[in-house]
Protein backbone atom coordinates (compact mmCIF):
# COMPACT_ATOMS: atom_id res chain seq x y z
CA MET A 1 0.00 0.00 0.00
CA ARG A 2 1.11 3.51 -0.66
CA ASN A 3 2.15 5.57 2.31
CA TYR A 4 0.43 8.85 2.99
CA PRO A 5 1.12 11.41 5.73
CA ARG A 6 -0.97 10.79 8.85
CA ASN A 7 -4.25 12.70 8.97
CA SER A 8 -3.91 13.87 5.37
CA PRO A 9 -6.95 13.61 3.09
CA GLN A 10 -5.60 10.58 1.21
CA PRO A 11 -5.51 7.95 4.00
CA ALA A 12 -8.95 9.11 5.12
CA ALA A 13 -10.27 8.84 1.57
CA ARG A 14 -8.64 5.44 1.16
CA LEU A 15 -10.74 4.08 4.04
CA VAL A 16 -13.91 5.43 2.45
CA ALA A 17 -12.83 3.94 -0.90
CA LEU A 18 -12.09 0.62 0.80
CA THR A 19 -15.62 0.59 2.17
CA LEU A 20 -16.90 1.27 -1.35
CA ILE A 21 -15.17 -1.77 -2.84
CA SER A 22 -14.99 -4.12 0.14
CA ASP A 23 -18.11 -6.05 -0.88
CA GLY A 24 -16.74 -6.55 -4.38
CA VAL A 25 -19.32 -4.26 -5.99
CA ALA A 26 -19.06 -0.49 -6.15
CA SER A 27 -22.73 0.16 -6.79
CA PRO A 28 -24.17 3.33 -8.31
CA ARG A 29 -25.97 3.96 -5.01
CA GLU A 30 -22.66 3.95 -3.18
CA PHE A 31 -21.25 6.49 -5.62
CA GLU A 32 -24.42 8.55 -5.13
CA ALA A 33 -23.80 8.43 -1.39
CA LEU A 34 -20.34 9.87 -1.96
CA ALA A 35 -21.89 12.73 -3.92
CA GLN A 36 -24.80 13.31 -1.52
CA THR A 37 -22.51 13.46 1.51
CA ALA A 38 -19.99 15.65 -0.36
CA ALA A 39 -17.42 13.10 0.78
CA ALA A 40 -14.56 14.54 -1.25
CA GLY A 41 -15.08 18.04 0.13
CA GLN A 42 -15.47 16.75 3.69
CA LEU A 43 -12.06 15.12 3.33
CA GLY A 44 -10.42 18.16 1.75
CA LEU A 45 -10.27 16.68 -1.75
CA SER A 46 -11.83 17.35 -5.12
CA ASP A 47 -14.08 14.68 -6.61
CA GLY A 48 -11.28 13.83 -9.03
CA ASP A 49 -8.79 13.46 -6.18
CA LEU A 50 -11.14 11.08 -4.37
CA LEU A 51 -11.49 8.97 -7.51
CA ALA A 52 -7.69 8.99 -7.87
CA VAL A 53 -7.38 7.60 -4.33
CA LEU A 54 -9.90 4.89 -5.26
CA ARG A 55 -7.93 4.08 -8.40
CA THR A 56 -4.60 3.88 -6.55
CA LEU A 57 -6.20 1.70 -3.87
CA CYS A 58 -7.37 -0.70 -6.56
CA GLU A 59 -3.90 -0.67 -8.14
CA ASP A 60 -2.30 -1.40 -4.77
CA LEU A 61 -4.72 -4.26 -4.11
CA MET A 62 -3.84 -5.84 -7.44
CA GLN A 63 -0.11 -5.93 -6.73
CA PRO A 64 1.31 -9.46 -6.40
CA HIS A 65 2.54 -8.90 -2.82
CA THR A 66 -1.02 -8.23 -1.59
CA GLY A 67 -2.24 -11.63 -2.80
CA CYS A 68 -5.57 -12.24 -4.46
CA TRP A 69 -8.02 -9.46 -3.56
CA ASN A 70 -11.13 -11.10 -2.12
CA GLY A 71 -12.73 -8.08 -0.50
CA GLN A 72 -10.85 -8.30 2.77
CA LEU A 73 -7.49 -7.20 4.01
CA GLY A 74 -5.57 -8.89 6.77
CA ASP A 75 -6.09 -7.40 10.21
CA ASP A 76 -2.53 -6.10 10.44
CA LEU A 77 -2.76 -4.19 7.17
CA LEU A 78 -6.24 -2.90 7.92
CA ILE A 79 -5.13 -1.69 11.36
CA SER A 80 -2.14 0.09 9.83
CA LEU A 81 -4.49 1.86 7.38
CA LEU A 82 -6.82 2.84 10.22
CA ASP A 83 -3.88 4.11 12.28
CA GLU A 84 -2.99 6.58 9.53
CA VAL A 85 -5.98 8.59 10.71
CA GLN A 86 -5.27 9.83 14.24
CA ASP A 87 -7.31 13.03 14.52
CA PRO A 88 -10.54 12.30 16.47
CA GLU A 89 -12.68 14.66 14.38
CA LEU A 90 -11.33 13.23 11.13
CA ARG A 91 -11.97 9.71 12.42
CA GLN A 92 -15.61 10.57 13.14
CA ARG A 93 -15.99 12.13 9.70
CA VAL A 94 -14.40 9.13 7.98
CA LEU A 95 -16.51 6.66 9.92
CA ALA A 96 -19.70 8.57 9.13
CA LEU A 97 -18.80 8.56 5.43
CA CYS A 98 -17.96 4.85 5.53
CA VAL A 99 -21.32 4.12 7.16
CA ALA A 100 -23.12 6.22 4.52
CA VAL A 101 -21.40 4.29 1.74
CA ALA A 102 -22.06 0.92 3.38
CA GLU A 103 -25.75 1.77 3.94
CA ALA A 104 -26.28 3.16 0.44
CA ASP A 105 -27.12 -0.10 -1.30
CA ALA A 106 -29.34 -1.33 1.55
CA HIS A 107 -27.09 -4.36 2.02
CA LEU A 108 -24.37 -4.66 4.63
CA ALA A 109 -21.86 -7.23 3.44
CA ASP A 110 -19.72 -9.11 5.94
CA SER A 111 -16.62 -7.34 4.64
CA GLU A 112 -18.24 -3.92 5.16
CA CYS A 113 -19.38 -4.90 8.64
CA ARG A 114 -15.89 -6.11 9.52
CA LEU A 115 -14.30 -2.87 8.33
CA LEU A 116 -16.81 -0.70 10.19
CA ALA A 117 -16.57 -2.75 13.36
CA LEU A 118 -12.77 -2.73 13.38
CA ALA A 119 -12.67 1.01 12.72
CA ALA A 120 -15.19 1.69 15.49
CA GLN A 121 -13.31 -0.53 17.92
CA ARG A 122 -9.86 0.78 17.00
CA TRP A 123 -11.00 4.39 17.13
CA GLY A 124 -13.13 4.01 20.27
CA VAL A 125 -16.44 5.08 18.73
CA CYS A 126 -18.40 1.85 19.05
CA SER A 127 -21.49 3.38 20.61
CA ALA A 128 -22.23 5.55 17.56
CA LEU A 129 -22.64 2.46 15.39
CA MET A 130 -24.97 0.73 17.81
CA LEU A 131 -27.83 3.22 17.58
CA PRO A 132 -31.11 2.04 16.03
CA GLY A 133 -30.80 2.00 12.28
CA ALA A 134 -27.01 1.97 12.40
CA PRO A 135 -25.13 -0.81 10.60
CA LEU A 136 -24.04 -2.60 13.73
CA ALA A 137 -27.29 -2.30 15.64
CA PRO A 138 -28.40 -5.47 17.42
CA ALA A 139 -30.43 -7.95 15.38
CA GLY A 140 -33.99 -6.84 14.78
CA ARG A 141 -33.02 -3.18 14.56
CA GLN A 142 -31.10 -3.34 11.29
CA GLN A 143 -32.88 -2.03 8.24
CA TRP A 144 -31.12 -4.17 5.60
CA ALA A 145 -29.94 -7.70 4.96
CA THR A 146 -26.51 -8.95 5.86
CA SER A 147 -24.47 -11.42 3.87
CA PRO A 148 -24.73 -15.05 4.93
């Protein structure tokens, strides 16, 4: 993976982009969520810059040393990507954008859930994802299907 300066727009955008592709399908609804939330602007990027981060993420994932991309990264690599975002306000912004992208297609894939849960745990914001209607709400309160 490419290295970016901590708390810069690129590592934050990479996490949002990873959420977008983690289920193997970057749906039009997920791209609409990026536009509706003004994700690029919230991260200090232009729309083109955000798409460039997505493109470089895909290039990095296709490199031979990363193995066969199956929608999930190893915990160590994922934690190192999460640790590139240290600012608490930026973490909250990134997590909110990741949740918006994950919710956009009304389907929470296991890989999306894993990414969101690890980010929430690592960043100490678990309670925000447990509210009714949130992606990690207890069974019976979720508003979409999860992957088997």
